[in-house]
Amino acid sequence: MLYVNSNGTILSNDGPTIHSGNRGHLYGDGVFESIRIIRGMPVNLDNHIVRLMEGAEIIKMRPPSYFSASFFEEKIIDLLQRSEILEGGKCRISLDRSTGGTYSPESNEVEFFIEVYPLETNNFSLNQRGLEIDLFADLKKAKSNLSNYKTKNGLIYILASIAAKEKDLDDVLISNTAGGILESTAANLFVVSNGALYTPGLEEGCLAGTMRMQIINLAIANGMKVYECNILPQNLLVADEIFLTNAIQGILWVGGYRTKRYFNNTSKLLIELLNKKWRSTD
């Protein structure tokens, strides 16, 4: 049996768990974080909560001051234990504006919702087959003060995911209105050329991924050069490697973009370093 925490109330996750007036459900009026669970504990929680609170502030919500990493860690661990998730898993924390109003809310106070799910793996593991990717051309992601945060307005990612399936691809890359490549449907983008890592800068409009920052810090700590910059389609064609990063899967290496094929040596090295980092926190 899996359980959720709906603003302090524990409910079994086998029936309705949100009320009909929930503003996240009605208007996408909220922010969220997806968090990896390893050995029954949330990974990198502090950085997730920082981004969650920054995103809430950007959309004019007023979370209480006690919404800290320790507050949510206690709630997550309680759900994991109730749900008997003692090894690998994932967690999602949502903050929704309180019920009431239509486009004009009655309040900017906040409700939280936490859900947990088991995963078979208890570490970050690299995909055996490289992903096949292409560009998503139907829509562009506009740069704004919302761009770096995980809001509940996810239509561009949904439509991009549908386009990938229609083209029999594993994923597609989303660009900004200036033509710079930002990210995939659910991950940040890294390009490797001559041993250096290149990733879109936050000012370009990509998600400020928590795993993105972990990988940047790990690479620098291990003597790699990292550049945050504009990435264009021609950069993909001359790259030695491409990989994607997100909080749940860690690193996903790309095997092909159109007719171009890639290696995965850097991806292998970084995922080893990533697992070593979280083993060392025991």
Protein backbone atom coordinates (compact mmCIF):
# COMPACT_ATOMS: atom_id res chain seq x y z
CA MET A 1 0.00 0.00 0.00
CA LEU A 2 1.31 3.44 -0.96
CA TYR A 3 0.42 6.61 0.95
CA VAL A 4 0.32 10.35 0.28
CA ASN A 5 0.40 13.36 2.57
CA SER A 6 -2.26 15.88 1.55
CA ASN A 7 -1.45 19.04 3.50
CA GLY A 8 -0.88 17.07 6.71
CA THR A 9 -3.50 14.36 6.20
CA ILE A 10 -2.20 10.85 5.43
CA LEU A 11 -4.28 9.06 2.77
CA SER A 12 -3.89 5.75 0.97
CA ASN A 13 -2.92 6.24 -2.68
CA ASP A 14 -5.53 3.86 -4.05
CA GLY A 15 -8.37 6.35 -4.45
CA PRO A 16 -9.08 10.09 -4.70
CA THR A 17 -6.43 12.11 -2.87
CA ILE A 18 -7.05 15.74 -3.94
CA HIS A 19 -10.24 17.77 -3.58
CA SER A 20 -12.21 19.13 -6.53
CA GLY A 21 -11.25 22.76 -5.86
CA ASN A 22 -7.49 22.16 -5.92
CA ARG A 23 -5.96 25.02 -7.90
CA GLY A 24 -3.09 22.92 -9.17
CA HIS A 25 -5.69 20.61 -10.73
CA LEU A 26 -7.94 23.42 -12.02
CA TYR A 27 -5.39 25.97 -13.26
CA GLY A 28 -1.92 24.47 -13.01
CA ASP A 29 -1.44 26.99 -10.19
CA GLY A 30 1.54 25.53 -8.39
CA VAL A 31 5.13 24.34 -8.40
CA PHE A 32 6.63 20.92 -7.76
CA GLU A 33 9.83 18.95 -7.28
CA SER A 34 10.73 15.35 -8.18
CA ILE A 35 13.22 13.83 -5.75
CA ARG A 36 15.18 10.59 -5.96
CA ILE A 37 15.10 8.14 -3.04
CA ILE A 38 18.21 6.03 -2.39
CA ARG A 39 18.47 3.62 0.55
CA GLY A 40 15.17 4.94 1.84
CA MET A 41 16.31 8.57 2.02
CA PRO A 42 15.66 11.62 -0.21
CA VAL A 43 18.68 12.69 -2.26
CA ASN A 44 19.81 16.33 -2.54
CA LEU A 45 16.72 17.51 -0.67
CA ASP A 46 18.16 20.87 0.43
CA ASN A 47 18.62 22.06 -3.15
CA HIS A 48 15.19 20.80 -4.17
CA ILE A 49 13.52 22.75 -1.37
CA VAL A 50 15.47 25.91 -2.21
CA ARG A 51 14.23 25.74 -5.80
CA LEU A 52 10.70 24.88 -4.66
CA MET A 53 10.53 27.94 -2.40
CA GLU A 54 12.06 30.20 -5.05
CA GLY A 55 9.49 28.97 -7.58
CA ALA A 56 6.66 29.57 -5.11
CA GLU A 57 7.88 33.13 -4.57
CA ILE A 58 8.10 33.76 -8.32
CA ILE A 59 4.41 32.86 -8.76
CA LYS A 60 3.42 35.02 -5.76
CA MET A 61 2.57 32.24 -3.35
CA ARG A 62 3.27 32.66 0.38
CA PRO A 63 4.55 29.39 1.88
CA PRO A 64 4.95 29.45 5.66
CA SER A 65 8.43 29.93 7.11
CA TYR A 66 8.48 26.40 8.55
CA PHE A 67 8.44 24.86 5.05
CA SER A 68 12.11 23.88 5.39
CA ALA A 69 14.14 20.93 4.16
CA SER A 70 13.90 19.31 7.61
CA PHE A 71 10.10 19.78 7.65
CA PHE A 72 9.70 18.00 4.31
CA GLU A 73 12.33 15.37 5.08
CA GLU A 74 10.33 14.27 8.12
CA LYS A 75 7.14 14.04 6.04
CA ILE A 76 8.87 12.15 3.19
CA ILE A 77 10.53 9.60 5.47
CA ASP A 78 7.22 8.98 7.23
CA LEU A 79 5.53 8.25 3.88
CA LEU A 80 8.40 6.02 2.74
CA GLN A 81 8.17 3.96 5.91
CA ARG A 82 4.38 3.71 5.75
CA SER A 83 4.66 2.69 2.08
CA GLU A 84 7.48 0.21 2.88
CA ILE A 85 9.88 1.89 0.46
CA LEU A 86 13.16 1.13 2.22
CA GLU A 87 15.53 1.16 -0.76
CA GLY A 88 15.07 2.89 -4.16
CA GLY A 89 12.18 5.18 -4.97
CA LYS A 90 11.04 8.63 -5.99
CA CYS A 91 9.06 11.40 -4.36
CA ARG A 92 7.10 14.36 -5.66
CA ILE A 93 6.35 17.44 -3.58
CA SER A 94 3.69 19.84 -4.88
CA LEU A 95 2.85 23.30 -3.59
CA ASP A 96 -0.53 24.58 -4.76
CA ARG A 97 -2.16 27.92 -4.06
CA SER A 98 -4.96 27.51 -1.53
CA THR A 99 -8.47 26.73 -2.78
CA GLY A 100 -10.71 29.60 -3.83
CA GLY A 101 -11.24 31.99 -6.70
CA THR A 102 -10.81 31.49 -10.42
CA TYR A 103 -8.00 33.20 -12.34
CA SER A 104 -8.02 35.71 -9.51
CA PRO A 105 -7.23 33.67 -6.37
CA GLU A 106 -8.85 34.41 -3.04
CA SER A 107 -5.59 33.79 -1.20
CA ASN A 108 -1.88 33.30 -1.85
CA GLU A 109 -1.49 30.83 1.00
CA VAL A 110 -0.15 27.37 0.17
CA GLU A 111 -1.18 23.71 0.44
CA PHE A 112 1.37 20.90 0.09
CA PHE A 113 1.01 17.43 -1.34
CA ILE A 114 3.64 14.66 -1.10
CA GLU A 115 3.57 11.31 -2.90
CA VAL A 116 6.13 8.47 -3.01
CA TYR A 117 6.68 5.52 -5.35
CA PRO A 118 9.15 2.59 -5.35
CA LEU A 119 11.86 2.09 -7.99
CA GLU A 120 13.67 -1.15 -8.75
CA THR A 121 17.13 0.43 -8.68
CA ASN A 122 18.79 1.74 -5.53
CA ASN A 123 21.45 3.85 -7.27
CA PHE A 124 21.90 5.85 -10.46
CA SER A 125 22.40 3.51 -13.43
CA LEU A 126 23.34 4.46 -16.98
CA ASN A 127 21.00 3.44 -19.78
CA GLN A 128 22.42 0.47 -21.75
CA ARG A 129 21.23 1.73 -25.12
CA GLY A 130 21.93 5.30 -26.14
CA LEU A 131 18.89 7.52 -26.67
CA GLU A 132 17.85 8.59 -30.15
CA ILE A 133 16.88 12.27 -30.21
CA ASP A 134 15.99 15.16 -32.53
CA LEU A 135 14.79 18.73 -32.23
CA PHE A 136 11.22 19.69 -31.33
CA ALA A 137 10.14 22.29 -33.87
CA ASP A 138 6.41 22.83 -33.15
CA LEU A 139 6.77 25.16 -30.14
CA LYS A 140 9.50 27.30 -28.59
CA LYS A 141 10.02 27.98 -24.89
CA ALA A 142 9.89 31.69 -24.12
CA LYS A 143 12.45 33.13 -21.70
CA SER A 144 10.81 34.49 -18.54
CA ASN A 145 11.27 34.56 -14.79
CA LEU A 146 9.33 31.27 -14.72
CA SER A 147 11.68 29.42 -17.08
CA ASN A 148 14.08 28.04 -14.47
CA TYR A 149 11.38 26.53 -12.21
CA LYS A 150 9.11 23.47 -12.29
CA THR A 151 5.67 25.01 -12.53
CA LYS A 152 2.55 22.97 -13.25
CA ASN A 153 2.23 24.48 -16.73
CA GLY A 154 3.83 21.58 -18.59
CA LEU A 155 2.11 21.64 -21.97
CA ILE A 156 5.25 22.26 -24.01
CA TYR A 157 6.88 19.18 -22.44
CA ILE A 158 3.75 17.08 -23.00
CA LEU A 159 3.50 18.05 -26.67
CA ALA A 160 7.22 17.50 -27.15
CA SER A 161 6.91 14.01 -25.60
CA ILE A 162 4.03 13.19 -27.94
CA ALA A 163 6.10 14.40 -30.91
CA ALA A 164 8.98 12.12 -29.85
CA LYS A 165 6.64 9.11 -29.75
CA GLU A 166 5.17 9.99 -33.15
CA LYS A 167 8.71 10.04 -34.61
CA ASP A 168 9.70 6.81 -32.82
CA LEU A 169 12.36 8.70 -30.85
CA ASP A 170 13.37 8.42 -27.21
CA ASP A 171 13.29 12.18 -26.65
CA VAL A 172 13.39 15.56 -28.35
CA LEU A 173 15.19 18.81 -27.52
CA ILE A 174 13.29 22.03 -26.82
CA SER A 175 14.64 25.39 -28.01
CA ASN A 176 14.02 28.96 -26.92
CA THR A 177 12.57 31.63 -29.20
CA ALA A 178 16.09 32.68 -30.25
CA GLY A 179 16.92 29.19 -31.50
CA GLY A 180 19.14 28.12 -28.59
CA ILE A 181 18.65 24.53 -27.44
CA LEU A 182 17.60 24.36 -23.78
CA GLU A 183 16.69 20.89 -22.58
CA SER A 184 14.77 17.72 -23.39
CA THR A 185 11.23 16.89 -22.31
CA ALA A 186 12.35 15.94 -18.79
CA ALA A 187 16.08 16.62 -18.49
CA ASN A 188 18.86 19.14 -18.83
CA LEU A 189 21.31 18.96 -21.73
CA PHE A 190 25.10 18.54 -21.72
CA VAL A 191 27.35 18.47 -24.79
CA VAL A 192 30.91 17.12 -24.58
CA SER A 193 33.61 18.34 -26.98
CA ASN A 194 37.35 17.74 -26.57
CA GLY A 195 36.88 16.77 -22.92
CA ALA A 196 34.99 19.94 -21.95
CA LEU A 197 31.30 20.08 -20.94
CA TYR A 198 28.91 22.63 -22.39
CA THR A 199 25.39 23.20 -21.06
CA PRO A 200 22.82 25.95 -21.69
CA GLY A 201 23.06 28.83 -19.23
CA LEU A 202 20.12 29.60 -16.97
CA GLU A 203 19.76 32.98 -18.67
CA GLU A 204 18.87 31.11 -21.88
CA GLY A 205 15.68 29.83 -20.22
CA CYS A 206 16.45 26.23 -19.30
CA LEU A 207 15.27 24.56 -16.11
CA ALA A 208 17.61 25.15 -13.17
CA GLY A 209 17.96 21.40 -12.66
CA THR A 210 19.23 20.13 -9.32
CA MET A 211 21.05 17.27 -11.08
CA ARG A 212 22.43 19.74 -13.62
CA MET A 213 24.15 21.63 -10.80
CA GLN A 214 25.40 18.40 -9.20
CA ILE A 215 27.00 17.33 -12.47
CA ILE A 216 28.58 20.75 -13.01
CA ASN A 217 30.08 20.66 -9.51
CA LEU A 218 31.27 17.05 -9.87
CA ALA A 219 32.89 17.76 -13.23
CA ILE A 220 34.73 20.84 -11.95
CA ALA A 221 35.87 19.00 -8.81
CA ASN A 222 37.38 16.31 -11.03
CA GLY A 223 39.30 18.65 -13.28
CA MET A 224 36.87 19.02 -16.16
CA LYS A 225 36.12 22.35 -17.78
CA VAL A 226 32.45 23.34 -17.83
CA TYR A 227 30.95 26.17 -19.87
CA GLU A 228 27.41 27.50 -19.46
CA CYS A 229 26.56 28.96 -22.85
CA ASN A 230 24.21 29.06 -25.80
CA ILE A 231 23.90 25.67 -27.55
CA LEU A 232 22.97 25.62 -31.25
CA PRO A 233 22.05 22.67 -33.50
CA GLN A 234 25.46 22.79 -35.20
CA ASN A 235 27.11 22.22 -31.81
CA LEU A 236 25.37 18.85 -31.59
CA LEU A 237 26.78 17.74 -34.92
CA VAL A 238 30.41 18.33 -33.90
CA ALA A 239 30.10 17.00 -30.34
CA ASP A 240 31.87 13.88 -29.09
CA GLU A 241 29.11 13.06 -26.60
CA ILE A 242 25.68 14.28 -25.51
CA PHE A 243 23.97 13.35 -22.28
CA LEU A 244 20.85 14.39 -20.37
CA THR A 245 20.43 14.80 -16.62
CA ASN A 246 17.53 14.78 -14.19
CA ALA A 247 17.00 14.15 -10.49
CA ILE A 248 15.38 10.72 -10.86
CA GLN A 249 17.49 9.00 -13.52
CA GLY A 250 20.75 10.83 -12.98
CA ILE A 251 22.45 10.66 -16.40
CA LEU A 252 21.08 9.42 -19.73
CA TRP A 253 23.54 9.15 -22.59
CA VAL A 254 22.52 9.94 -26.14
CA GLY A 255 23.50 7.49 -28.86
CA GLY A 256 22.33 9.43 -31.88
CA TYR A 257 21.07 12.76 -33.16
CA ARG A 258 19.84 12.36 -36.72
CA THR A 259 22.80 10.72 -38.54
CA LYS A 260 25.40 11.63 -35.90
CA ARG A 261 26.56 8.91 -33.45
CA TYR A 262 28.11 9.47 -30.02
CA PHE A 263 30.33 7.83 -27.39
CA ASN A 264 29.47 7.63 -23.68
CA ASN A 265 32.85 7.68 -21.89
CA THR A 266 32.13 10.92 -20.00
CA SER A 267 28.65 9.73 -19.03
CA LYS A 268 30.11 6.52 -17.56
CA LEU A 269 32.70 8.44 -15.57
CA LEU A 270 30.23 10.99 -14.21
CA ILE A 271 27.63 8.46 -13.14
CA GLU A 272 30.33 6.56 -11.24
CA LEU A 273 31.30 9.80 -9.50
CA LEU A 274 27.64 10.56 -8.78
CA ASN A 275 27.04 7.19 -7.13
CA LYS A 276 30.28 7.52 -5.17
CA LYS A 277 29.14 10.93 -3.91
CA TRP A 278 25.85 9.61 -2.52
CA ARG A 279 27.43 6.45 -1.11
CA SER A 280 29.86 8.65 0.80
CA THR A 281 26.99 10.48 2.53
CA ASP A 282 26.04 7.38 4.56
